[in-house]
Amino acid sequence: MPEFSANSARNLLSCHQDLQTVFHYVVKYFDCTIIYGHRSVEKQFELYKIGRELKGGKWTETGNVVTFKDGINNRSKHNESPSHAVDAVPYPINWKDVDRLRYFAGYVKGVAQMLYDYGAISHLIACGIDWDNDTDLNDQRFFDACHFQLV
């Protein structure tokens, strides 16, 4: 049975209890890695700069953006303490296997819904493949299959 590495376990501990509960169930059946739980404002801003360039005092998109949240003026759910968001990816990590990322996201959503229905968690979970939770995966502005957050 898969289990979290020390780094993944530490990252997950920085998250809201509902996210911890979901991913402790998920990892039993689907090996995964926790990339981020809580992020400091500094780390959030570091990620915000990826895919952007400072021009004339404003950050302008120049490539693949990692996040739209700068952690200062626009805080992320990762900036809450405990974190209301987690970034998790199937292990071994293969960022190019988008089908597997989508499959994993659906698996996590199913586990989270079951735990919510059973009363084991008190929040629904949203994912970056379906930000508005309408089950239409084609109406998203920003694809982030590894991002899960409390609703």
C-alpha atoms as a PDB file:
ATOM      1  CA  MET A   1       0.000   0.000   0.000  1.00  0.00           C
ATOM      2  CA  PRO A   2       1.431   3.415  -0.941  1.00  0.00           C
ATOM      3  CA  GLU A   3       2.262   5.936   1.745  1.00  0.00           C
ATOM      4  CA  PHE A   4       3.461   9.526   1.786  1.00  0.00           C
ATOM      5  CA  SER A   5       7.129  10.434   1.803  1.00  0.00           C
ATOM      6  CA  ALA A   6       8.367  12.550   4.719  1.00  0.00           C
ATOM      7  CA  ASN A   7       8.157  15.692   2.533  1.00  0.00           C
ATOM      8  CA  SER A   8       4.612  14.939   1.377  1.00  0.00           C
ATOM      9  CA  ALA A   9       3.493  14.162   4.929  1.00  0.00           C
ATOM     10  CA  ARG A  10       4.999  17.443   6.184  1.00  0.00           C
ATOM     11  CA  ASN A  11       3.343  19.428   3.367  1.00  0.00           C
ATOM     12  CA  LEU A  12      -0.014  17.794   4.042  1.00  0.00           C
ATOM     13  CA  LEU A  13       0.216  18.585   7.763  1.00  0.00           C
ATOM     14  CA  SER A  14       0.143  22.295   6.851  1.00  0.00           C
ATOM     15  CA  CYS A  15      -3.355  21.820   5.351  1.00  0.00           C
ATOM     16  CA  HIS A  16      -6.872  22.030   6.762  1.00  0.00           C
ATOM     17  CA  GLN A  17      -8.010  18.796   8.413  1.00  0.00           C
ATOM     18  CA  ASP A  18     -10.526  18.072   5.630  1.00  0.00           C
ATOM     19  CA  LEU A  19      -7.749  18.051   3.019  1.00  0.00           C
ATOM     20  CA  GLN A  20      -5.625  15.829   5.244  1.00  0.00           C
ATOM     21  CA  THR A  21      -8.516  13.380   5.611  1.00  0.00           C
ATOM     22  CA  VAL A  22      -9.151  13.263   1.855  1.00  0.00           C
ATOM     23  CA  PHE A  23      -5.532  12.639   0.915  1.00  0.00           C
ATOM     24  CA  HIS A  24      -4.937  10.057   3.649  1.00  0.00           C
ATOM     25  CA  TYR A  25      -7.722   8.057   1.986  1.00  0.00           C
ATOM     26  CA  VAL A  26      -6.508   8.780  -1.550  1.00  0.00           C
ATOM     27  CA  VAL A  27      -2.913   7.636  -0.938  1.00  0.00           C
ATOM     28  CA  LYS A  28      -4.102   4.225   0.275  1.00  0.00           C
ATOM     29  CA  TYR A  29      -5.248   3.395  -3.270  1.00  0.00           C
ATOM     30  CA  PHE A  30      -3.535   5.909  -5.553  1.00  0.00           C
ATOM     31  CA  ASP A  31       0.107   6.724  -4.924  1.00  0.00           C
ATOM     32  CA  CYS A  32       0.597  10.482  -4.919  1.00  0.00           C
ATOM     33  CA  THR A  33       2.880  13.292  -3.848  1.00  0.00           C
ATOM     34  CA  ILE A  34       1.903  16.457  -1.997  1.00  0.00           C
ATOM     35  CA  ILE A  35       3.768  19.291  -3.725  1.00  0.00           C
ATOM     36  CA  TYR A  36       2.397  22.187  -1.655  1.00  0.00           C
ATOM     37  CA  GLY A  37       0.123  22.796   1.255  1.00  0.00           C
ATOM     38  CA  HIS A  38       0.678  26.120   2.990  1.00  0.00           C
ATOM     39  CA  ARG A  39       2.750  28.673   1.091  1.00  0.00           C
ATOM     40  CA  SER A  40       4.309  31.781   2.559  1.00  0.00           C
ATOM     41  CA  VAL A  41       3.597  35.123   0.898  1.00  0.00           C
ATOM     42  CA  GLU A  42       7.196  35.104  -0.350  1.00  0.00           C
ATOM     43  CA  LYS A  43       6.858  31.658  -1.945  1.00  0.00           C
ATOM     44  CA  GLN A  44       3.489  32.628  -3.448  1.00  0.00           C
ATOM     45  CA  PHE A  45       5.009  35.720  -5.041  1.00  0.00           C
ATOM     46  CA  GLU A  46       7.968  33.696  -6.325  1.00  0.00           C
ATOM     47  CA  LEU A  47       5.516  31.367  -8.109  1.00  0.00           C
ATOM     48  CA  TYR A  48       3.457  34.342  -9.339  1.00  0.00           C
ATOM     49  CA  LYS A  49       6.507  35.735 -11.168  1.00  0.00           C
ATOM     50  CA  ILE A  50       6.883  32.553 -13.238  1.00  0.00           C
ATOM     51  CA  GLY A  51       5.611  33.310 -16.749  1.00  0.00           C
ATOM     52  CA  ARG A  52       5.681  37.058 -16.104  1.00  0.00           C
ATOM     53  CA  GLU A  53       8.062  39.963 -16.545  1.00  0.00           C
ATOM     54  CA  LEU A  54       8.111  43.312 -14.747  1.00  0.00           C
ATOM     55  CA  LYS A  55       7.559  46.018 -17.384  1.00  0.00           C
ATOM     56  CA  GLY A  56       6.897  49.656 -16.502  1.00  0.00           C
ATOM     57  CA  GLY A  57       6.120  48.768 -12.897  1.00  0.00           C
ATOM     58  CA  LYS A  58       3.535  46.101 -13.856  1.00  0.00           C
ATOM     59  CA  TRP A  59       3.802  42.351 -14.110  1.00  0.00           C
ATOM     60  CA  THR A  60       3.034  41.281 -17.681  1.00  0.00           C
ATOM     61  CA  GLU A  61       2.386  37.708 -18.803  1.00  0.00           C
ATOM     62  CA  THR A  62       5.136  36.459 -21.101  1.00  0.00           C
ATOM     63  CA  GLY A  63       4.732  32.692 -20.939  1.00  0.00           C
ATOM     64  CA  ASN A  64       3.122  29.840 -19.069  1.00  0.00           C
ATOM     65  CA  VAL A  65       1.753  31.316 -15.844  1.00  0.00           C
ATOM     66  CA  VAL A  66       1.843  29.163 -12.711  1.00  0.00           C
ATOM     67  CA  THR A  67      -0.636  31.169 -10.614  1.00  0.00           C
ATOM     68  CA  PHE A  68      -2.789  34.275 -10.795  1.00  0.00           C
ATOM     69  CA  LYS A  69      -2.473  34.844  -7.041  1.00  0.00           C
ATOM     70  CA  ASP A  70       0.445  37.052  -5.953  1.00  0.00           C
ATOM     71  CA  GLY A  71      -0.025  36.412  -2.235  1.00  0.00           C
ATOM     72  CA  ILE A  72      -0.027  40.154  -1.480  1.00  0.00           C
ATOM     73  CA  ASN A  73      -2.943  41.886  -3.187  1.00  0.00           C
ATOM     74  CA  ASN A  74      -4.575  38.652  -4.297  1.00  0.00           C
ATOM     75  CA  ARG A  75      -4.090  35.898  -1.747  1.00  0.00           C
ATOM     76  CA  SER A  76      -4.245  32.209  -2.525  1.00  0.00           C
ATOM     77  CA  LYS A  77      -6.032  29.576  -0.461  1.00  0.00           C
ATOM     78  CA  HIS A  78      -2.485  28.217  -0.028  1.00  0.00           C
ATOM     79  CA  ASN A  79      -1.675  31.347   2.009  1.00  0.00           C
ATOM     80  CA  GLU A  80      -4.217  30.465   4.719  1.00  0.00           C
ATOM     81  CA  SER A  81      -2.941  28.752   7.832  1.00  0.00           C
ATOM     82  CA  PRO A  82      -3.829  25.967   7.866  1.00  0.00           C
ATOM     83  CA  SER A  83      -3.862  25.911   4.089  1.00  0.00           C
ATOM     84  CA  HIS A  84      -7.254  25.683   2.399  1.00  0.00           C
ATOM     85  CA  ALA A  85      -5.560  24.316  -0.732  1.00  0.00           C
ATOM     86  CA  VAL A  86      -3.206  21.495  -1.615  1.00  0.00           C
ATOM     87  CA  ASP A  87      -1.266  20.685  -4.759  1.00  0.00           C
ATOM     88  CA  ALA A  88      -1.081  16.923  -5.239  1.00  0.00           C
ATOM     89  CA  VAL A  89       0.057  14.857  -8.201  1.00  0.00           C
ATOM     90  CA  PRO A  90       0.088  11.121  -8.959  1.00  0.00           C
ATOM     91  CA  TYR A  91       3.402   9.383  -8.318  1.00  0.00           C
ATOM     92  CA  PRO A  92       5.629   8.863 -10.199  1.00  0.00           C
ATOM     93  CA  ILE A  93       5.275  12.412 -11.465  1.00  0.00           C
ATOM     94  CA  ASN A  94       4.785  12.846 -15.207  1.00  0.00           C
ATOM     95  CA  TRP A  95       3.607  16.397 -15.972  1.00  0.00           C
ATOM     96  CA  LYS A  96       3.100  15.532 -19.657  1.00  0.00           C
ATOM     97  CA  ASP A  97       0.561  12.767 -18.967  1.00  0.00           C
ATOM     98  CA  VAL A  98      -2.489  15.058 -18.846  1.00  0.00           C
ATOM     99  CA  ASP A  99      -4.908  12.112 -19.068  1.00  0.00           C
ATOM    100  CA  ARG A 100      -3.428  10.637 -15.880  1.00  0.00           C
ATOM    101  CA  LEU A 101      -3.605  14.034 -14.147  1.00  0.00           C
ATOM    102  CA  ARG A 102      -7.284  14.303 -15.088  1.00  0.00           C
ATOM    103  CA  TYR A 103      -7.947  10.733 -13.954  1.00  0.00           C
ATOM    104  CA  PHE A 104      -6.272  11.452 -10.617  1.00  0.00           C
ATOM    105  CA  ALA A 105      -8.277  14.666 -10.173  1.00  0.00           C
ATOM    106  CA  GLY A 106     -11.503  12.762 -10.788  1.00  0.00           C
ATOM    107  CA  TYR A 107     -10.450  10.077  -8.323  1.00  0.00           C
ATOM    108  CA  VAL A 108      -9.715  12.694  -5.645  1.00  0.00           C
ATOM    109  CA  LYS A 109     -13.032  14.444  -6.316  1.00  0.00           C
ATOM    110  CA  GLY A 110     -14.885  11.137  -5.967  1.00  0.00           C
ATOM    111  CA  VAL A 111     -13.189  10.277  -2.679  1.00  0.00           C
ATOM    112  CA  ALA A 112     -13.844  13.798  -1.361  1.00  0.00           C
ATOM    113  CA  GLN A 113     -17.539  13.615  -2.324  1.00  0.00           C
ATOM    114  CA  MET A 114     -17.904  10.260  -0.618  1.00  0.00           C
ATOM    115  CA  LEU A 115     -16.230  11.530   2.571  1.00  0.00           C
ATOM    116  CA  TYR A 116     -18.435  14.640   2.524  1.00  0.00           C
ATOM    117  CA  ASP A 117     -21.590  12.564   2.055  1.00  0.00           C
ATOM    118  CA  TYR A 118     -20.552  10.299   4.959  1.00  0.00           C
ATOM    119  CA  GLY A 119     -19.889  13.346   7.163  1.00  0.00           C
ATOM    120  CA  ALA A 120     -16.161  12.631   7.489  1.00  0.00           C
ATOM    121  CA  ILE A 121     -15.311  16.091   6.113  1.00  0.00           C
ATOM    122  CA  SER A 122     -17.297  19.314   6.326  1.00  0.00           C
ATOM    123  CA  HIS A 123     -16.245  21.004   3.070  1.00  0.00           C
ATOM    124  CA  LEU A 124     -16.703  20.111  -0.559  1.00  0.00           C
ATOM    125  CA  ILE A 125     -13.509  20.076  -2.625  1.00  0.00           C
ATOM    126  CA  ALA A 126     -12.940  21.943  -5.891  1.00  0.00           C
ATOM    127  CA  CYS A 127     -10.193  21.163  -8.368  1.00  0.00           C
ATOM    128  CA  GLY A 128      -8.292  23.217 -10.937  1.00  0.00           C
ATOM    129  CA  ILE A 129      -9.713  21.135 -13.799  1.00  0.00           C
ATOM    130  CA  ASP A 130     -13.236  22.328 -12.944  1.00  0.00           C
ATOM    131  CA  TRP A 131     -13.010  25.529 -10.901  1.00  0.00           C
ATOM    132  CA  ASP A 132     -16.768  26.165 -10.984  1.00  0.00           C
ATOM    133  CA  ASN A 133     -17.708  22.537 -10.189  1.00  0.00           C
ATOM    134  CA  ASP A 134     -20.166  22.337 -13.084  1.00  0.00           C
ATOM    135  CA  THR A 135     -18.564  19.123 -14.516  1.00  0.00           C
ATOM    136  CA  ASP A 136     -17.759  20.973 -17.771  1.00  0.00           C
ATOM    137  CA  LEU A 137     -13.985  20.687 -18.107  1.00  0.00           C
ATOM    138  CA  ASN A 138     -13.906  22.797 -21.274  1.00  0.00           C
ATOM    139  CA  ASP A 139     -14.999  26.112 -19.727  1.00  0.00           C
ATOM    140  CA  GLN A 140     -11.874  26.695 -17.637  1.00  0.00           C
ATOM    141  CA  ARG A 141      -9.601  29.693 -18.125  1.00  0.00           C
ATOM    142  CA  PHE A 142      -6.741  28.161 -16.166  1.00  0.00           C
ATOM    143  CA  PHE A 143      -5.962  24.424 -16.103  1.00  0.00           C
ATOM    144  CA  ASP A 144      -4.467  23.321 -12.781  1.00  0.00           C
ATOM    145  CA  ALA A 145      -5.199  19.617 -12.432  1.00  0.00           C
ATOM    146  CA  CYS A 146      -3.035  19.240  -9.335  1.00  0.00           C
ATOM    147  CA  HIS A 147      -4.766  21.965  -7.300  1.00  0.00           C
ATOM    148  CA  PHE A 148      -7.505  21.045  -4.819  1.00  0.00           C
ATOM    149  CA  GLN A 149      -9.195  23.512  -2.481  1.00  0.00           C
ATOM    150  CA  LEU A 150     -11.970  23.796   0.053  1.00  0.00           C
ATOM    151  CA  VAL A 151     -15.254  25.199  -1.238  1.00  0.00           C
END
